[in-house]
Amino acid sequence: MSRKGVPELTPSKRGRILALREEGYSYRQIAAKMEPFVPTISPSTCQKTVTRENIHHTRNTLPRSGRPHSLTRRDERSTLRALKKHRHEPYKAIADAMGTVTPGQVKAVAHSHGYHRCVARRKPFLSPSAIAKRVKWAQENEGREWDGIVWTDEAKIETGERPGHQRVTRKAGEEYLPACIEPTFRSGRQSIMVWACIMHNRKGPLIRLDTVAVKTTLRGRKTGGGLNGQRYVSQVLEGPLKEFCELVEKDIGQKVLVVEDGAPAHTSVVAKRARKALDINNLTHPPSSPDLNPIEPLWLLLKNRVADIPGSGNSLDALWAACKRVWDEISLEDIQKHTNTMDIRVSAVKSAKGWHTGF
């Protein structure tokens, strides 16, 4: 072990010492010759280097015993199993449940095996039925030509909304300073619902939807605010979606397929009848699968850019004006960045056996 404050010798410098020793120099002479390279080297260090080579046949630092482990191998395996089984539980809860380890020991085991406490990703719940449908969909659509697919979706945009978990630069103990918190709101936020559609090389319109009025029950619960089948037909199917599909089909000379998720307004009887009457053909979409619709990342892009516009949260009209402005600014390159990944998304679903993917 090297002296405190003195760096250990590298294998190459130890090799130089061994070479000088083979040439017949004494340890004091070797230390003097090594002064330009290692100013603080001593004769005893040179001797230990030669002894290490003669006994252990190595120029590397020998392993040190160090402080003995406070946990046995068995305790460490049990702790690791508990960490994997209860991933959402904090270290203290796992330690309390086990009763034989401390939170610090649980944390040390986790870190030594590459586990850390991180913000959990938000993903839709997947039932066994949904998983099976995702696998089947991926198998049926592997190798599909995606350029003729119209991707549609609705999104709710709130005043003052900025998606995701913000990070903040702070010192320990500053977590509750007004400048360091991310405020949440129990009420007072207003929202609008918008609809849009895209294709690989095209951007459809963004429209503001007239939703069902919000009502408050006797128990104080709010209902409504969504889109029913009839409103979806009159505001989307019979209007912008039909016009967009006709324009594209005339341009490319072939029918297109429309992707809608499983929202009740889309699967209602009135919507099914309208699609048949309007000659709008669907490509089925598996349930709980926003990762298989490339328009989803555009909503996140739109919400973040809207939040960056000063005054966008002052009123619903200001919010809608900001949404239109941002949608107009979204380029075909922004769209193609996501529509180009459909083959990769399909492969990811197959690889994950129907479970969540990184999209």
Protein backbone atom coordinates (compact mmCIF):
# COMPACT_ATOMS: atom_id res chain seq x y z
CA MET A 1 0.00 0.00 0.00
CA SER A 2 1.35 3.42 -0.91
CA ARG A 3 1.89 6.12 1.70
CA LYS A 4 -0.94 8.57 2.33
CA GLY A 5 -0.97 11.30 -0.30
CA VAL A 6 1.45 9.41 -2.60
CA PRO A 7 -0.05 7.99 -5.81
CA GLU A 8 0.53 4.33 -6.58
CA LEU A 9 3.02 3.39 -9.25
CA THR A 10 1.69 2.45 -12.65
CA PRO A 11 2.62 -0.97 -14.10
CA SER A 12 4.93 0.74 -16.60
CA LYS A 13 6.88 2.55 -13.86
CA ARG A 14 7.12 -0.69 -11.89
CA GLY A 15 8.50 -2.29 -15.04
CA ARG A 16 11.20 0.40 -15.19
CA ILE A 17 12.17 -0.40 -11.58
CA LEU A 18 12.41 -4.11 -12.39
CA ALA A 19 14.56 -3.38 -15.43
CA LEU A 20 16.98 -1.27 -13.36
CA ARG A 21 17.18 -4.02 -10.74
CA GLU A 22 18.05 -6.58 -13.41
CA GLU A 23 20.86 -4.25 -14.51
CA GLY A 24 22.40 -4.61 -11.02
CA TYR A 25 21.49 -1.28 -9.42
CA SER A 26 20.83 -1.08 -5.68
CA TYR A 27 17.45 0.02 -4.40
CA ARG A 28 18.90 3.39 -3.33
CA GLN A 29 20.36 3.88 -6.83
CA ILE A 30 17.04 2.84 -8.45
CA ALA A 31 15.16 5.38 -6.33
CA ALA A 32 17.61 8.10 -7.44
CA LYS A 33 17.20 7.19 -11.12
CA MET A 34 13.39 7.16 -10.74
CA GLU A 35 13.33 10.67 -9.22
CA PRO A 36 12.53 12.44 -12.58
CA PHE A 37 9.52 10.14 -13.04
CA VAL A 38 8.40 9.63 -9.41
CA PRO A 39 9.75 12.44 -7.20
CA THR A 40 8.58 10.89 -3.90
CA ILE A 41 9.74 7.29 -4.47
CA SER A 42 11.76 5.62 -1.71
CA PRO A 43 14.21 2.68 -1.78
CA SER A 44 11.74 0.55 0.20
CA THR A 45 9.10 1.09 -2.48
CA CYS A 46 11.53 -0.18 -5.09
CA GLN A 47 12.26 -3.21 -2.92
CA LYS A 48 8.55 -4.00 -2.49
CA THR A 49 8.04 -3.74 -6.25
CA VAL A 50 10.75 -6.32 -6.89
CA THR A 51 9.47 -8.58 -4.10
CA ARG A 52 5.91 -8.43 -5.54
CA GLU A 53 7.22 -9.49 -8.95
CA ASN A 54 9.28 -12.36 -7.51
CA ILE A 55 6.48 -13.75 -5.33
CA HIS A 56 3.25 -12.90 -7.19
CA HIS A 57 4.60 -12.38 -10.72
CA THR A 58 2.60 -9.21 -11.27
CA ARG A 59 3.23 -5.47 -11.70
CA ASN A 60 -0.31 -4.59 -10.61
CA THR A 61 -1.43 -3.61 -7.13
CA LEU A 62 -2.33 -6.65 -5.05
CA PRO A 63 -5.94 -6.95 -3.80
CA ARG A 64 -6.46 -5.57 -0.31
CA SER A 65 -8.54 -7.16 2.40
CA GLY A 66 -10.37 -3.95 3.23
CA ARG A 67 -13.21 -3.66 5.67
CA PRO A 68 -15.14 -6.95 6.07
CA HIS A 69 -18.65 -7.03 4.61
CA SER A 70 -21.37 -6.22 7.13
CA LEU A 71 -23.81 -8.51 5.30
CA THR A 72 -23.35 -12.17 4.61
CA ARG A 73 -23.73 -13.47 1.07
CA ARG A 74 -27.07 -14.94 2.07
CA ASP A 75 -28.33 -11.63 3.47
CA GLU A 76 -27.22 -9.86 0.30
CA ARG A 77 -29.10 -12.34 -1.90
CA SER A 78 -32.23 -11.99 0.23
CA THR A 79 -32.02 -8.20 0.05
CA LEU A 80 -31.59 -8.28 -3.72
CA ARG A 81 -34.64 -10.55 -4.08
CA ALA A 82 -36.70 -8.16 -1.95
CA LEU A 83 -35.56 -5.19 -4.06
CA LYS A 84 -36.63 -6.92 -7.28
CA LYS A 85 -39.94 -8.07 -5.83
CA HIS A 86 -40.90 -4.70 -4.31
CA ARG A 87 -39.48 -2.20 -6.80
CA HIS A 88 -41.85 0.61 -5.79
CA GLU A 89 -41.06 0.36 -2.07
CA PRO A 90 -38.46 2.72 -0.56
CA TYR A 91 -35.33 1.27 1.01
CA LYS A 92 -36.65 1.85 4.53
CA ALA A 93 -39.83 -0.12 3.86
CA ILE A 94 -37.81 -3.05 2.56
CA ALA A 95 -35.47 -2.89 5.55
CA ASP A 96 -38.41 -2.79 7.97
CA ALA A 97 -40.06 -5.75 6.26
CA MET A 98 -36.89 -7.85 6.33
CA GLY A 99 -35.96 -6.89 9.89
CA THR A 100 -32.33 -7.98 9.51
CA VAL A 101 -30.87 -5.11 7.51
CA THR A 102 -30.79 -1.32 7.71
CA PRO A 103 -32.00 1.09 5.00
CA GLY A 104 -28.38 2.01 4.36
CA GLN A 105 -27.47 -1.62 3.78
CA VAL A 106 -30.41 -2.06 1.40
CA LYS A 107 -29.24 1.00 -0.52
CA ALA A 108 -25.66 -0.29 -0.63
CA VAL A 109 -26.81 -3.67 -2.01
CA ALA A 110 -28.99 -1.92 -4.60
CA HIS A 111 -26.18 0.35 -5.80
CA SER A 112 -23.63 -2.47 -5.90
CA HIS A 113 -25.90 -4.33 -8.33
CA GLY A 114 -26.72 -1.26 -10.44
CA TYR A 115 -30.16 -0.46 -8.98
CA HIS A 116 -31.12 3.15 -8.13
CA ARG A 117 -34.31 4.95 -7.12
CA CYS A 118 -35.58 6.84 -10.19
CA VAL A 119 -38.76 8.53 -11.34
CA ALA A 120 -41.10 5.78 -12.57
CA ARG A 121 -42.15 6.02 -16.21
CA ARG A 122 -45.87 6.52 -16.73
CA LYS A 123 -47.35 3.87 -19.03
CA PRO A 124 -50.90 2.55 -19.56
CA PHE A 125 -51.89 -0.55 -17.62
CA LEU A 126 -51.69 -3.65 -19.80
CA SER A 127 -54.04 -6.54 -19.12
CA PRO A 128 -53.21 -10.05 -20.39
CA SER A 129 -55.80 -9.53 -23.12
CA ALA A 130 -54.20 -6.24 -24.22
CA ILE A 131 -50.75 -7.87 -24.26
CA ALA A 132 -52.00 -10.68 -26.49
CA LYS A 133 -53.64 -8.18 -28.86
CA ARG A 134 -50.44 -6.13 -29.08
CA VAL A 135 -48.44 -9.22 -30.02
CA LYS A 136 -51.00 -10.24 -32.62
CA TRP A 137 -51.10 -6.72 -34.08
CA ALA A 138 -47.31 -6.63 -34.33
CA GLN A 139 -47.24 -9.99 -36.09
CA GLU A 140 -49.95 -8.95 -38.56
CA ASN A 141 -48.32 -5.60 -39.38
CA GLU A 142 -44.69 -6.61 -39.61
CA GLY A 143 -43.29 -5.34 -42.90
CA ARG A 144 -46.30 -3.14 -43.64
CA GLU A 145 -45.94 -0.09 -45.91
CA TRP A 146 -46.72 2.77 -43.50
CA ASP A 147 -46.80 5.69 -45.94
CA GLY A 148 -50.54 5.20 -46.60
CA ILE A 149 -51.61 5.34 -42.95
CA VAL A 150 -53.41 8.32 -41.43
CA TRP A 151 -52.68 8.59 -37.70
CA THR A 152 -55.35 10.41 -35.67
CA ASP A 153 -55.80 11.25 -32.01
CA GLU A 154 -57.29 13.69 -29.51
CA ALA A 155 -55.47 15.48 -26.71
CA LYS A 156 -56.50 17.61 -23.75
CA ILE A 157 -54.45 20.78 -23.37
CA GLU A 158 -54.57 22.57 -20.01
CA THR A 159 -53.73 26.13 -19.11
CA GLY A 160 -50.38 26.28 -17.35
CA GLU A 161 -49.54 22.69 -18.28
CA ARG A 162 -45.97 21.53 -18.75
CA PRO A 163 -45.71 17.75 -19.11
CA GLY A 164 -43.16 15.62 -17.33
CA HIS A 165 -41.29 15.92 -14.04
CA GLN A 166 -39.13 18.99 -13.86
CA ARG A 167 -35.67 18.80 -12.31
CA VAL A 168 -34.20 21.62 -10.27
CA THR A 169 -30.69 22.59 -9.23
CA ARG A 170 -30.51 22.92 -5.45
CA LYS A 171 -28.50 22.16 -2.33
CA ALA A 172 -29.47 19.68 0.35
CA GLY A 173 -32.16 21.19 2.55
CA GLU A 174 -33.43 23.58 -0.17
CA GLU A 175 -36.11 21.24 -1.51
CA TYR A 176 -38.97 23.32 -0.04
CA LEU A 177 -37.74 26.75 -1.05
CA PRO A 178 -40.33 28.52 -3.26
CA ALA A 179 -37.78 28.74 -6.05
CA CYS A 180 -37.14 24.99 -5.94
CA ILE A 181 -40.64 23.48 -5.90
CA GLU A 182 -42.84 22.53 -8.84
CA PRO A 183 -46.31 23.79 -7.89
CA THR A 184 -49.34 21.57 -8.40
CA PHE A 185 -52.93 22.73 -8.71
CA ARG A 186 -55.99 21.14 -7.14
CA SER A 187 -58.38 23.23 -9.20
CA GLY A 188 -58.63 26.27 -11.38
CA ARG A 189 -57.02 24.86 -14.49
CA GLN A 190 -59.06 25.05 -17.65
CA SER A 191 -58.62 22.86 -20.68
CA ILE A 192 -59.55 22.41 -24.30
CA MET A 193 -59.68 19.22 -26.35
CA VAL A 194 -58.07 19.17 -29.77
CA TRP A 195 -57.91 16.66 -32.62
CA ALA A 196 -55.32 16.23 -35.35
CA CYS A 197 -54.08 13.77 -37.94
CA ILE A 198 -50.76 13.14 -39.65
CA MET A 199 -49.21 10.95 -42.33
CA HIS A 200 -45.59 10.16 -43.08
CA ASN A 201 -45.12 13.09 -45.47
CA ARG A 202 -48.15 15.20 -44.56
CA LYS A 203 -49.62 17.15 -41.71
CA GLY A 204 -53.38 17.31 -41.30
CA PRO A 205 -55.38 20.06 -39.59
CA LEU A 206 -55.62 20.75 -35.88
CA ILE A 207 -59.18 21.46 -34.71
CA ARG A 208 -60.67 22.49 -31.42
CA LEU A 209 -63.43 20.12 -30.34
CA ASP A 210 -66.75 21.11 -28.83
CA THR A 211 -67.03 18.63 -25.97
CA VAL A 212 -69.85 17.61 -23.67
CA ALA A 213 -70.48 20.22 -20.98
CA VAL A 214 -68.95 19.54 -17.57
CA LYS A 215 -71.50 18.94 -14.82
CA THR A 216 -71.04 18.61 -11.07
CA THR A 217 -72.98 15.91 -9.24
CA LEU A 218 -74.51 16.24 -5.78
CA ARG A 219 -71.42 14.58 -4.35
CA GLY A 220 -69.17 17.14 -5.97
CA ARG A 221 -67.86 14.92 -8.74
CA LYS A 222 -67.38 16.37 -12.19
CA THR A 223 -68.70 14.52 -15.21
CA GLY A 224 -68.61 15.28 -18.92
CA GLY A 225 -65.95 17.28 -20.67
CA GLY A 226 -65.32 14.48 -23.15
CA LEU A 227 -66.41 13.59 -26.65
CA ASN A 228 -69.37 11.37 -27.46
CA GLY A 229 -69.94 9.45 -30.66
CA GLN A 230 -72.27 11.96 -32.32
CA ARG A 231 -69.96 14.89 -31.68
CA TYR A 232 -67.03 12.89 -33.01
CA VAL A 233 -68.93 12.11 -36.20
CA SER A 234 -70.07 15.67 -36.84
CA GLN A 235 -66.81 17.41 -35.89
CA VAL A 236 -64.21 14.92 -37.15
CA LEU A 237 -65.42 12.11 -39.40
CA GLU A 238 -67.77 14.19 -41.55
CA GLY A 239 -65.40 17.17 -41.63
CA PRO A 240 -61.62 17.40 -41.43
CA LEU A 241 -60.84 13.68 -41.49
CA LYS A 242 -62.99 12.98 -44.57
CA GLU A 243 -61.58 16.04 -46.36
CA PHE A 244 -57.99 15.11 -45.53
CA CYS A 245 -58.44 11.50 -46.69
CA GLU A 246 -60.06 12.55 -49.97
CA LEU A 247 -57.27 15.05 -50.65
CA VAL A 248 -54.54 12.48 -50.00
CA GLU A 249 -56.25 9.70 -51.93
CA LYS A 250 -56.65 11.97 -54.94
CA ASP A 251 -52.99 12.90 -54.72
CA ILE A 252 -51.51 9.39 -54.30
CA GLY A 253 -54.13 7.52 -56.29
CA GLN A 254 -55.01 4.90 -53.67
CA LYS A 255 -57.12 4.43 -50.54
CA VAL A 256 -55.65 5.22 -47.16
CA LEU A 257 -56.21 3.52 -43.82
CA VAL A 258 -57.10 5.51 -40.71
CA VAL A 259 -55.82 4.65 -37.24
CA GLU A 260 -57.99 5.56 -34.22
CA ASP A 261 -57.55 4.38 -30.66
CA GLY A 262 -60.21 2.56 -28.66
CA ALA A 263 -61.90 5.63 -27.15
CA PRO A 264 -65.68 5.16 -26.68
CA ALA A 265 -66.43 7.94 -29.19
CA HIS A 266 -64.47 6.02 -31.84
CA THR A 267 -66.03 2.63 -31.15
CA SER A 268 -69.63 3.86 -30.78
CA VAL A 269 -72.33 2.53 -33.08
CA VAL A 270 -72.94 5.95 -34.59
CA ALA A 271 -69.23 6.31 -35.44
CA LYS A 272 -69.09 2.86 -37.05
CA ARG A 273 -72.11 3.67 -39.21
CA ALA A 274 -70.64 7.02 -40.22
CA ARG A 275 -67.31 5.49 -41.25
CA LYS A 276 -69.12 2.96 -43.42
CA ALA A 277 -71.25 5.64 -45.05
CA LEU A 278 -68.22 7.89 -45.61
CA ASP A 279 -66.09 5.02 -46.95
CA ILE A 280 -63.40 5.54 -44.31
CA ASN A 281 -61.39 2.36 -43.78
CA ASN A 282 -59.62 1.60 -40.51
CA LEU A 283 -56.40 -0.09 -39.57
CA THR A 284 -57.14 -1.74 -36.24
CA HIS A 285 -55.14 -0.48 -33.30
CA PRO A 286 -54.42 -2.55 -30.16
CA PRO A 287 -55.74 -1.24 -26.83
CA SER A 288 -53.56 0.72 -24.38
CA SER A 289 -50.92 1.28 -27.05
CA PRO A 290 -49.95 4.95 -27.41
CA ASP A 291 -46.46 3.71 -28.24
CA LEU A 292 -47.86 2.41 -31.54
CA ASN A 293 -49.19 5.77 -32.68
CA PRO A 294 -46.49 8.22 -33.85
CA ILE A 295 -48.76 11.21 -33.28
CA GLU A 296 -48.42 10.78 -29.50
CA PRO A 297 -44.91 12.34 -29.25
CA LEU A 298 -46.21 15.35 -31.18
CA TRP A 299 -48.69 16.07 -28.39
CA LEU A 300 -45.82 16.27 -25.92
CA LEU A 301 -43.94 18.56 -28.30
CA LEU A 302 -47.02 20.75 -28.75
CA LYS A 303 -47.74 21.03 -25.01
CA ASN A 304 -44.18 22.00 -24.16
CA ARG A 305 -43.98 24.60 -26.91
CA VAL A 306 -47.37 26.03 -25.95
CA ALA A 307 -46.19 26.35 -22.35
CA ASP A 308 -43.20 28.38 -23.60
CA ILE A 309 -45.48 31.01 -25.21
CA PRO A 310 -46.06 33.94 -22.83
CA GLY A 311 -49.73 34.43 -22.00
CA SER A 312 -50.84 31.06 -23.42
CA GLY A 313 -52.43 30.17 -20.08
CA ASN A 314 -54.33 33.40 -19.57
CA SER A 315 -57.53 32.10 -21.16
CA LEU A 316 -58.90 29.25 -23.24
CA ASP A 317 -58.89 31.43 -26.36
CA ALA A 318 -55.23 32.33 -25.76
CA LEU A 319 -54.47 28.64 -25.22
CA TRP A 320 -56.16 27.70 -28.50
CA ALA A 321 -54.35 30.46 -30.38
CA ALA A 322 -51.04 29.16 -29.01
CA CYS A 323 -51.94 25.59 -30.01
CA LYS A 324 -52.70 26.66 -33.59
CA ARG A 325 -49.46 28.62 -33.79
CA VAL A 326 -47.38 25.69 -32.54
CA TRP A 327 -49.13 23.17 -34.79
CA ASP A 328 -48.45 25.37 -37.81
CA GLU A 329 -44.77 25.50 -36.80
CA ILE A 330 -44.41 21.72 -36.51
CA SER A 331 -42.49 20.63 -39.61
CA LEU A 332 -42.67 17.52 -41.75
CA GLU A 333 -39.24 16.62 -40.38
CA ASP A 334 -40.75 16.62 -36.87
CA ILE A 335 -43.44 14.23 -38.09
CA GLN A 336 -41.17 11.97 -40.14
CA LYS A 337 -38.87 11.54 -37.15
CA HIS A 338 -41.66 9.49 -35.55
CA THR A 339 -43.48 7.98 -38.53
CA ASN A 340 -40.16 6.59 -39.75
CA THR A 341 -39.92 4.44 -36.61
CA MET A 342 -43.01 2.27 -37.13
CA ASP A 343 -41.02 -0.80 -38.19
CA ILE A 344 -38.84 -0.38 -35.10
CA ARG A 345 -41.92 0.03 -32.89
CA VAL A 346 -43.45 -3.16 -34.25
CA SER A 347 -40.21 -5.06 -33.64
CA ALA A 348 -40.00 -3.61 -30.12
CA VAL A 349 -43.47 -4.92 -29.27
CA LYS A 350 -42.54 -8.37 -30.53
CA SER A 351 -39.27 -8.34 -28.60
CA ALA A 352 -41.08 -7.23 -25.43
CA LYS A 353 -43.69 -9.99 -25.99
CA GLY A 354 -46.48 -7.44 -25.89
CA TRP A 355 -45.28 -5.51 -22.86
CA HIS A 356 -44.25 -1.85 -22.78
CA THR A 357 -41.60 -0.50 -25.11
CA GLY A 358 -39.29 2.51 -24.99
CA PHE A 359 -41.57 4.56 -27.25
